[in-house]
Amino acid sequence: MLFSFDLVLIDKNFKVVGLRELVRPFRITLPERGAESVLELPAHSIFRSRTQIGDQLHIDRYEARKPSSKFLEQPIDQHGARAGVGGFEPRGHVVPLQPQSSKADSRRSSYADTKVR
C-alpha cells in the first residue's frame, strides 16, 4: 500500500479481536491471537466509527444478480451509459483539456483555460 490505513482484526464469528490504526506504508503488523480475517479500511475509520475490541460486527452476504435481459437490450449512448438506467442524464458537452505548455514561467494550468459548453 502507498498510503496509511486502518486494520480491524476479526475472529470467525466477526467479533473484533484487534485494531491497528494508521498503519503506514510498507509496514508489517503482528498477528492477533484468534484473528481469522482482517478488514482494511480507510485511515481514521476506527476512530470515526468508535470501534473497540470486543465489538460484534454484522456483515451481510452480497450476491450480485445477473443483469436482466431488458438491461442488455438497451442501446449504449455516446457517453457510455445505457439510456434510462440509473437516472444518468448527460448535461452539455465536455471539452477535453488542452495539454499544458512547456514554458517554465507559466504558473496557470490549462484547466482554467477550458470551457464547458
C-alpha atoms as a PDB file:
ATOM      1  CA  MET A   1       0.000   0.000   0.000  1.00  0.00           C
ATOM      2  CA  LEU A   2       1.174   3.501  -0.714  1.00  0.00           C
ATOM      3  CA  PHE A   3      -0.971   5.188   1.934  1.00  0.00           C
ATOM      4  CA  SER A   4      -1.904   4.777   5.601  1.00  0.00           C
ATOM      5  CA  PHE A   5      -4.934   2.694   6.504  1.00  0.00           C
ATOM      6  CA  ASP A   6      -6.698   1.073   9.469  1.00  0.00           C
ATOM      7  CA  LEU A   7      -6.959  -2.665  10.182  1.00  0.00           C
ATOM      8  CA  VAL A   8      -9.739  -4.409  12.070  1.00  0.00           C
ATOM      9  CA  LEU A   9      -8.852  -7.992  13.010  1.00  0.00           C
ATOM     10  CA  ILE A  10     -11.879 -10.249  13.488  1.00  0.00           C
ATOM     11  CA  ASP A  11     -12.450 -13.850  14.542  1.00  0.00           C
ATOM     12  CA  LYS A  12     -14.625 -16.437  12.795  1.00  0.00           C
ATOM     13  CA  ASN A  13     -17.777 -15.001  14.441  1.00  0.00           C
ATOM     14  CA  PHE A  14     -16.975 -11.434  13.284  1.00  0.00           C
ATOM     15  CA  LYS A  15     -16.007 -10.288  16.776  1.00  0.00           C
ATOM     16  CA  VAL A  16     -13.271  -7.634  16.859  1.00  0.00           C
ATOM     17  CA  VAL A  17     -10.119  -9.090  18.441  1.00  0.00           C
ATOM     18  CA  GLY A  18      -7.592  -6.468  17.372  1.00  0.00           C
ATOM     19  CA  LEU A  19      -7.245  -2.955  15.990  1.00  0.00           C
ATOM     20  CA  ARG A  20      -4.393  -1.285  14.130  1.00  0.00           C
ATOM     21  CA  GLU A  21      -4.817   2.404  13.383  1.00  0.00           C
ATOM     22  CA  LEU A  22      -2.899   4.391  10.777  1.00  0.00           C
ATOM     23  CA  VAL A  23      -0.714   1.553   9.527  1.00  0.00           C
ATOM     24  CA  ARG A  24       1.957   3.264   7.460  1.00  0.00           C
ATOM     25  CA  PRO A  25       3.016   2.083   4.021  1.00  0.00           C
ATOM     26  CA  PHE A  26       5.371  -0.900   3.828  1.00  0.00           C
ATOM     27  CA  ARG A  27       4.856  -1.842   7.482  1.00  0.00           C
ATOM     28  CA  ILE A  28       4.128  -5.302   8.868  1.00  0.00           C
ATOM     29  CA  THR A  29       1.857  -5.856  11.866  1.00  0.00           C
ATOM     30  CA  LEU A  30       1.970  -8.743  14.295  1.00  0.00           C
ATOM     31  CA  PRO A  31      -0.927 -11.206  14.191  1.00  0.00           C
ATOM     32  CA  GLU A  32      -3.549 -11.177  16.911  1.00  0.00           C
ATOM     33  CA  ARG A  33      -4.469 -14.378  18.752  1.00  0.00           C
ATOM     34  CA  GLY A  34      -7.819 -15.658  17.474  1.00  0.00           C
ATOM     35  CA  ALA A  35      -7.928 -13.403  14.423  1.00  0.00           C
ATOM     36  CA  GLU A  36      -9.160 -15.174  11.326  1.00  0.00           C
ATOM     37  CA  SER A  37      -9.802 -12.237   8.976  1.00  0.00           C
ATOM     38  CA  VAL A  38      -8.746  -8.643   8.513  1.00  0.00           C
ATOM     39  CA  LEU A  39     -10.725  -5.660   7.287  1.00  0.00           C
ATOM     40  CA  GLU A  40      -8.642  -2.982   5.609  1.00  0.00           C
ATOM     41  CA  LEU A  41     -10.341   0.391   5.992  1.00  0.00           C
ATOM     42  CA  PRO A  42      -9.511   3.982   5.081  1.00  0.00           C
ATOM     43  CA  ALA A  43      -7.393   5.855   7.607  1.00  0.00           C
ATOM     44  CA  HIS A  44      -9.269   7.166  10.685  1.00  0.00           C
ATOM     45  CA  SER A  45     -12.205   4.759  10.139  1.00  0.00           C
ATOM     46  CA  ILE A  46     -11.683   3.101  13.521  1.00  0.00           C
ATOM     47  CA  PHE A  47     -11.646   6.440  15.319  1.00  0.00           C
ATOM     48  CA  ARG A  48     -14.713   7.794  13.479  1.00  0.00           C
ATOM     49  CA  SER A  49     -16.756   4.618  13.987  1.00  0.00           C
ATOM     50  CA  ARG A  50     -15.619   4.232  17.622  1.00  0.00           C
ATOM     51  CA  THR A  51     -14.843   0.564  17.004  1.00  0.00           C
ATOM     52  CA  GLN A  52     -13.423  -1.228  20.053  1.00  0.00           C
ATOM     53  CA  ILE A  53     -12.068  -4.681  20.812  1.00  0.00           C
ATOM     54  CA  GLY A  54     -14.986  -6.923  21.680  1.00  0.00           C
ATOM     55  CA  ASP A  55     -17.448  -5.263  19.272  1.00  0.00           C
ATOM     56  CA  GLN A  56     -19.592  -7.659  17.272  1.00  0.00           C
ATOM     57  CA  LEU A  57     -19.757  -6.904  13.542  1.00  0.00           C
ATOM     58  CA  HIS A  58     -22.740  -7.803  11.388  1.00  0.00           C
ATOM     59  CA  ILE A  59     -21.670  -8.480   7.807  1.00  0.00           C
ATOM     60  CA  ASP A  60     -24.335  -9.274   5.234  1.00  0.00           C
ATOM     61  CA  ARG A  61     -23.554 -11.550   2.328  1.00  0.00           C
ATOM     62  CA  TYR A  62     -23.867  -9.842  -1.050  1.00  0.00           C
ATOM     63  CA  GLU A  63     -24.526 -11.823  -4.168  1.00  0.00           C
ATOM     64  CA  ALA A  64     -24.512  -9.971  -7.453  1.00  0.00           C
ATOM     65  CA  ARG A  65     -27.538 -10.506  -9.637  1.00  0.00           C
ATOM     66  CA  LYS A  66     -27.248 -11.161 -13.322  1.00  0.00           C
ATOM     67  CA  PRO A  67     -28.389  -8.182 -15.409  1.00  0.00           C
ATOM     68  CA  SER A  68     -31.902  -8.556 -16.761  1.00  0.00           C
ATOM     69  CA  SER A  69     -32.484  -9.053 -20.459  1.00  0.00           C
ATOM     70  CA  LYS A  70     -34.147  -5.593 -20.603  1.00  0.00           C
ATOM     71  CA  PHE A  71     -30.901  -4.017 -19.426  1.00  0.00           C
ATOM     72  CA  LEU A  72     -28.850  -5.872 -22.027  1.00  0.00           C
ATOM     73  CA  GLU A  73     -31.174  -4.839 -24.854  1.00  0.00           C
ATOM     74  CA  GLN A  74     -30.887  -1.092 -24.157  1.00  0.00           C
ATOM     75  CA  PRO A  75     -28.551   0.803 -26.505  1.00  0.00           C
ATOM     76  CA  ILE A  76     -25.440   2.498 -25.181  1.00  0.00           C
ATOM     77  CA  ASP A  77     -25.312   6.266 -25.817  1.00  0.00           C
ATOM     78  CA  GLN A  78     -22.270   8.331 -26.810  1.00  0.00           C
ATOM     79  CA  HIS A  79     -21.281   8.778 -23.146  1.00  0.00           C
ATOM     80  CA  GLY A  80     -21.132   5.021 -22.477  1.00  0.00           C
ATOM     81  CA  ALA A  81     -24.337   4.930 -20.440  1.00  0.00           C
ATOM     82  CA  ARG A  82     -27.429   2.888 -21.091  1.00  0.00           C
ATOM     83  CA  ALA A  83     -30.475   5.052 -21.802  1.00  0.00           C
ATOM     84  CA  GLY A  84     -32.841   5.401 -18.856  1.00  0.00           C
ATOM     85  CA  VAL A  85     -30.663   3.471 -16.389  1.00  0.00           C
ATOM     86  CA  GLY A  86     -29.681   4.897 -13.015  1.00  0.00           C
ATOM     87  CA  GLY A  87     -31.118   8.339 -13.721  1.00  0.00           C
ATOM     88  CA  PHE A  88     -27.972   9.388 -15.593  1.00  0.00           C
ATOM     89  CA  GLU A  89     -28.699  12.296 -17.874  1.00  0.00           C
ATOM     90  CA  PRO A  90     -25.613  13.843 -19.508  1.00  0.00           C
ATOM     91  CA  ARG A  91     -25.611  17.634 -19.393  1.00  0.00           C
ATOM     92  CA  GLY A  92     -23.907  19.656 -22.101  1.00  0.00           C
ATOM     93  CA  HIS A  93     -20.725  18.651 -23.815  1.00  0.00           C
ATOM     94  CA  VAL A  94     -17.367  18.146 -22.205  1.00  0.00           C
ATOM     95  CA  VAL A  95     -14.417  19.827 -23.871  1.00  0.00           C
ATOM     96  CA  PRO A  96     -11.141  17.911 -23.452  1.00  0.00           C
ATOM     97  CA  LEU A  97      -8.319  19.672 -21.652  1.00  0.00           C
ATOM     98  CA  GLN A  98      -5.543  21.151 -23.752  1.00  0.00           C
ATOM     99  CA  PRO A  99      -2.003  19.983 -22.981  1.00  0.00           C
ATOM    100  CA  GLN A 100      -0.030  22.327 -20.776  1.00  0.00           C
ATOM    101  CA  SER A 101       2.604  24.459 -22.404  1.00  0.00           C
ATOM    102  CA  SER A 102       6.231  23.655 -21.760  1.00  0.00           C
ATOM    103  CA  LYS A 103       7.028  27.213 -20.687  1.00  0.00           C
ATOM    104  CA  ALA A 104       8.705  27.255 -17.304  1.00  0.00           C
ATOM    105  CA  ASP A 105       7.241  30.673 -16.429  1.00  0.00           C
ATOM    106  CA  SER A 106       3.627  29.518 -16.943  1.00  0.00           C
ATOM    107  CA  ARG A 107       2.090  29.100 -13.481  1.00  0.00           C
ATOM    108  CA  ARG A 108      -1.538  28.654 -14.602  1.00  0.00           C
ATOM    109  CA  SER A 109      -2.768  25.226 -15.584  1.00  0.00           C
ATOM    110  CA  SER A 110      -4.591  24.695 -18.849  1.00  0.00           C
ATOM    111  CA  TYR A 111      -7.671  23.637 -16.876  1.00  0.00           C
ATOM    112  CA  ALA A 112      -8.501  27.299 -16.237  1.00  0.00           C
ATOM    113  CA  ASP A 113      -8.466  27.967 -19.993  1.00  0.00           C
ATOM    114  CA  THR A 114     -11.045  25.315 -20.924  1.00  0.00           C
ATOM    115  CA  LYS A 115     -14.751  25.954 -21.204  1.00  0.00           C
ATOM    116  CA  VAL A 116     -17.737  23.674 -20.826  1.00  0.00           C
ATOM    117  CA  ARG A 117     -20.414  24.206 -23.454  1.00  0.00           C
END
